[in-house]
Amino acid sequence: MRAHWQKWGDGFAKLSQREKWLLTLCLVVVMVIGMFTLLLEPALNTNQSLKQQIATTKQNNQRLDKQISALTAKLKKDPDQDINIEYKRLLTESQSLSELLAKVIEDLISPSQMAKLLEDVLAGTKGLHLVSLESMRAEPIVSGHASENYAGYYLHPVRLELTGNYFAILQYLETLESLPVNYYWRSFYYQVDAYPKARLVLEVYTLGTRQEFIGG
């Protein structure tokens, strides 16, 4: 093993300064990608599971909305006891799904606290410069006709852009992940502009029952 290291060291010493610099840069990039993968993959997996739960709930809500609409049309034409029973069952199921969604929202950080949380963690992390912090416009959790029956639930995204060195950004992300609050990761973009300075663009979101724009 020592001979291999000696051989590798001799080969590296024979390289030009430019080749040494390029090889070192490649090693740094590989280390950065590896560390980000190890740190963020568990969080992204958890976030994907939560997103799947929300998507399933939305699909069930939309399916029930179509069934209720169809049954409503039938009731207007030819009322029937069996249809009435099915109609009430679907309404009960719809209410249960709405209560489940309300429970998910209850466990999440409020939209008004989301931007302040990102800013507070940023203020406690040295070596970072805030480029922008924007609370984006709320989006209905469902769209179209289904939103009439499930109105009042909205996505509240927040977009953060900052610059700093890799370790400062890593510390910022680790601090966010360790906080005892719940929210969803929407997108993540990391780029090295001029080593060691890098740029992070992060979008997270929470859910709320009000559509008002939360400024930030």
Protein backbone atom coordinates (compact mmCIF):
# COMPACT_ATOMS: atom_id res chain seq x y z
CA MET A 1 0.00 0.00 0.00
CA ARG A 2 2.84 2.40 0.90
CA ALA A 3 4.44 1.73 -2.47
CA HIS A 4 1.21 2.62 -4.22
CA TRP A 5 0.98 5.91 -2.32
CA GLN A 6 4.63 6.65 -3.16
CA LYS A 7 3.99 5.90 -6.83
CA TRP A 8 0.88 8.09 -6.85
CA GLY A 9 2.77 10.92 -5.06
CA ASP A 10 5.60 10.79 -7.58
CA GLY A 11 3.11 10.91 -10.45
CA PHE A 12 1.33 13.88 -8.91
CA ALA A 13 4.61 15.74 -8.40
CA LYS A 14 5.42 15.37 -12.11
CA LEU A 15 2.21 17.12 -13.13
CA SER A 16 2.18 20.77 -14.18
CA GLN A 17 0.67 23.40 -11.88
CA ARG A 18 -2.39 23.59 -14.10
CA GLU A 19 -2.85 19.80 -14.06
CA LYS A 20 -2.42 19.72 -10.27
CA TRP A 21 -4.99 22.47 -9.88
CA LEU A 22 -7.49 20.70 -12.13
CA LEU A 23 -7.00 17.36 -10.35
CA THR A 24 -7.44 19.03 -6.94
CA LEU A 25 -10.60 20.80 -8.13
CA CYS A 26 -12.04 17.51 -9.39
CA LEU A 27 -11.38 15.86 -6.01
CA VAL A 28 -13.08 18.77 -4.20
CA VAL A 29 -16.14 18.52 -6.49
CA VAL A 30 -16.39 14.75 -5.90
CA MET A 31 -16.16 15.30 -2.11
CA VAL A 32 -18.80 18.04 -2.22
CA ILE A 33 -21.22 15.88 -4.23
CA GLY A 34 -20.61 12.93 -1.92
CA MET A 35 -21.17 14.92 1.26
CA PHE A 36 -24.32 16.56 -0.08
CA THR A 37 -25.66 13.15 -1.10
CA LEU A 38 -25.03 11.67 2.35
CA LEU A 39 -26.58 14.63 4.17
CA LEU A 40 -29.56 15.46 1.96
CA GLU A 41 -30.66 12.08 0.64
CA PRO A 42 -32.43 11.03 3.91
CA ALA A 43 -34.17 14.41 4.12
CA LEU A 44 -35.21 14.27 0.46
CA ASN A 45 -36.56 10.74 0.92
CA THR A 46 -38.67 11.87 3.88
CA ASN A 47 -39.85 14.89 1.96
CA GLN A 48 -40.81 12.69 -1.02
CA SER A 49 -42.89 10.48 1.29
CA LEU A 50 -44.73 13.51 2.67
CA LYS A 51 -45.33 14.83 -0.85
CA GLN A 52 -46.76 11.45 -1.84
CA GLN A 53 -49.21 11.61 1.07
CA ILE A 54 -50.39 15.06 0.00
CA ALA A 55 -50.67 13.95 -3.65
CA THR A 56 -52.69 10.87 -2.65
CA THR A 57 -55.03 12.99 -0.54
CA LYS A 58 -55.49 15.44 -3.41
CA GLN A 59 -56.26 12.62 -5.85
CA ASN A 60 -58.77 11.09 -3.44
CA ASN A 61 -60.42 14.47 -2.95
CA GLN A 62 -60.71 15.01 -6.70
CA ARG A 63 -62.08 11.50 -7.21
CA LEU A 64 -64.70 12.00 -4.52
CA ASP A 65 -65.63 15.37 -5.96
CA LYS A 66 -66.39 13.78 -9.34
CA GLN A 67 -68.43 11.01 -7.73
CA ILE A 68 -70.40 13.47 -5.60
CA SER A 69 -71.09 15.64 -8.64
CA ALA A 70 -72.32 12.63 -10.62
CA LEU A 71 -74.56 11.47 -7.79
CA THR A 72 -75.90 14.99 -7.30
CA ALA A 73 -76.96 15.07 -10.94
CA LYS A 74 -78.69 11.69 -10.55
CA LEU A 75 -80.53 12.83 -7.42
CA LYS A 76 -81.94 15.83 -9.26
CA LYS A 77 -83.33 13.60 -12.04
CA ASP A 78 -84.49 10.52 -10.17
CA PRO A 79 -84.12 10.47 -6.33
CA ASP A 80 -83.53 6.99 -5.00
CA GLN A 81 -82.90 5.62 -1.55
CA ASP A 82 -79.78 3.64 -2.56
CA ILE A 83 -78.29 6.71 -4.23
CA ASN A 84 -79.00 8.76 -1.10
CA ILE A 85 -77.13 6.21 1.01
CA GLU A 86 -74.12 6.22 -1.33
CA TYR A 87 -74.21 10.00 -1.49
CA LYS A 88 -74.04 10.28 2.31
CA ARG A 89 -71.22 7.71 2.42
CA LEU A 90 -69.16 9.71 -0.03
CA LEU A 91 -69.81 12.92 1.88
CA THR A 92 -68.64 11.22 5.08
CA GLU A 93 -65.47 9.95 3.35
CA SER A 94 -64.86 13.41 1.92
CA GLN A 95 -65.16 14.94 5.37
CA SER A 96 -62.71 12.39 6.79
CA LEU A 97 -60.14 13.23 4.10
CA SER A 98 -60.56 16.94 4.78
CA GLU A 99 -60.00 16.32 8.49
CA LEU A 100 -56.86 14.32 7.67
CA LEU A 101 -55.53 17.16 5.55
CA ALA A 102 -56.33 19.61 8.34
CA LYS A 103 -54.28 17.46 10.74
CA VAL A 104 -51.31 17.51 8.32
CA ILE A 105 -51.52 21.31 8.16
CA GLU A 106 -51.77 21.55 11.95
CA ASP A 107 -48.38 19.82 12.31
CA LEU A 108 -46.65 22.18 9.85
CA ILE A 109 -45.00 25.52 10.56
CA SER A 110 -47.34 28.42 9.79
CA PRO A 111 -46.83 30.42 6.57
CA SER A 112 -46.18 33.62 8.56
CA GLN A 113 -43.30 31.90 10.43
CA MET A 114 -41.65 30.24 7.42
CA ALA A 115 -39.73 33.22 6.01
CA LYS A 116 -38.72 34.39 9.49
CA LEU A 117 -37.37 30.91 10.31
CA LEU A 118 -35.11 30.90 7.23
CA GLU A 119 -33.91 34.41 8.02
CA ASP A 120 -33.24 33.67 11.71
CA VAL A 121 -31.15 30.58 10.89
CA LEU A 122 -29.27 32.60 8.27
CA ALA A 123 -28.50 35.32 10.82
CA GLY A 124 -26.97 32.69 13.10
CA THR A 125 -24.71 31.23 10.41
CA LYS A 126 -21.41 32.98 9.70
CA GLY A 127 -19.96 33.27 6.22
CA LEU A 128 -23.25 33.61 4.31
CA HIS A 129 -24.65 36.54 2.34
CA LEU A 130 -28.39 36.83 1.69
CA VAL A 131 -29.16 37.64 -1.95
CA SER A 132 -32.95 37.44 -1.72
CA LEU A 133 -35.71 36.03 0.48
CA GLU A 134 -39.16 36.00 -1.08
CA SER A 135 -42.50 34.67 0.12
CA MET A 136 -44.20 33.66 -3.10
CA ARG A 137 -47.91 33.86 -3.87
CA ALA A 138 -50.10 31.16 -2.32
CA GLU A 139 -51.35 28.37 -4.59
CA PRO A 140 -54.57 26.33 -4.13
CA ILE A 141 -53.80 22.78 -3.04
CA VAL A 142 -56.32 21.57 -5.64
CA SER A 143 -57.50 23.31 -8.77
CA GLY A 144 -60.58 23.40 -10.96
CA HIS A 145 -64.00 22.22 -9.83
CA ALA A 146 -62.53 20.24 -6.92
CA SER A 147 -61.38 23.46 -5.26
CA GLU A 148 -65.03 24.39 -4.61
CA ASN A 149 -65.43 21.53 -2.15
CA TYR A 150 -61.94 21.76 -0.66
CA ALA A 151 -61.41 25.49 -0.64
CA GLY A 152 -59.32 26.97 2.13
CA TYR A 153 -56.13 24.91 1.70
CA TYR A 154 -53.14 26.62 0.08
CA LEU A 155 -49.44 26.03 -0.59
CA HIS A 156 -47.23 28.86 0.69
CA PRO A 157 -43.79 28.70 -1.02
CA VAL A 158 -40.72 30.65 0.13
CA ARG A 159 -37.68 31.16 -2.12
CA LEU A 160 -34.24 31.82 -0.61
CA GLU A 161 -31.04 32.71 -2.46
CA LEU A 162 -27.71 33.12 -0.70
CA THR A 163 -23.97 32.90 -1.31
CA GLY A 164 -21.09 31.66 0.81
CA ASN A 165 -18.51 28.92 1.07
CA TYR A 166 -19.42 25.23 1.06
CA PHE A 167 -19.03 24.65 4.78
CA ALA A 168 -21.16 27.69 5.71
CA ILE A 169 -23.93 26.52 3.37
CA LEU A 170 -23.64 22.99 4.73
CA GLN A 171 -23.98 24.29 8.30
CA TYR A 172 -27.05 26.31 7.30
CA LEU A 173 -28.77 23.29 5.76
CA GLU A 174 -27.90 21.04 8.72
CA THR A 175 -29.36 23.62 11.11
CA LEU A 176 -32.59 23.79 9.09
CA GLU A 177 -32.90 20.01 9.12
CA SER A 178 -32.35 19.80 12.88
CA LEU A 179 -35.12 22.27 13.77
CA PRO A 180 -38.19 20.80 15.53
CA VAL A 181 -40.59 22.13 12.86
CA ASN A 182 -42.22 20.54 9.82
CA TYR A 183 -42.24 21.88 6.27
CA TYR A 184 -41.65 20.60 2.72
CA TRP A 185 -38.63 20.97 0.41
CA ARG A 186 -39.71 22.06 -3.07
CA SER A 187 -36.44 22.58 -4.97
CA PHE A 188 -32.70 22.79 -4.27
CA TYR A 189 -30.00 24.30 -6.48
CA TYR A 190 -26.31 24.54 -5.54
CA GLN A 191 -23.55 25.91 -7.78
CA VAL A 192 -19.92 26.87 -7.25
CA ASP A 193 -19.51 30.32 -8.88
CA ALA A 194 -15.86 31.02 -8.10
CA TYR A 195 -14.24 28.58 -5.68
CA PRO A 196 -14.69 28.65 -2.74
CA LYS A 197 -17.74 30.91 -3.20
CA ALA A 198 -20.97 29.08 -4.04
CA ARG A 199 -24.61 29.96 -4.61
CA LEU A 200 -27.63 28.23 -3.05
CA VAL A 201 -31.21 28.68 -4.29
CA LEU A 202 -33.69 26.91 -2.05
CA GLU A 203 -37.48 26.73 -2.21
CA VAL A 204 -39.49 25.32 0.67
CA TYR A 205 -43.19 25.48 1.39
CA THR A 206 -45.77 24.92 4.06
CA LEU A 207 -49.56 24.65 3.95
CA GLY A 208 -52.14 27.04 5.29
CA THR A 209 -55.88 27.73 5.34
CA ARG A 210 -55.65 31.32 4.15
CA GLN A 211 -54.86 32.61 0.68
CA GLU A 212 -53.42 35.98 1.72
CA PHE A 213 -49.94 36.74 0.44
CA ILE A 214 -47.41 36.55 3.30
CA GLY A 215 -44.78 39.21 2.57
CA GLY A 216 -41.10 38.61 3.18
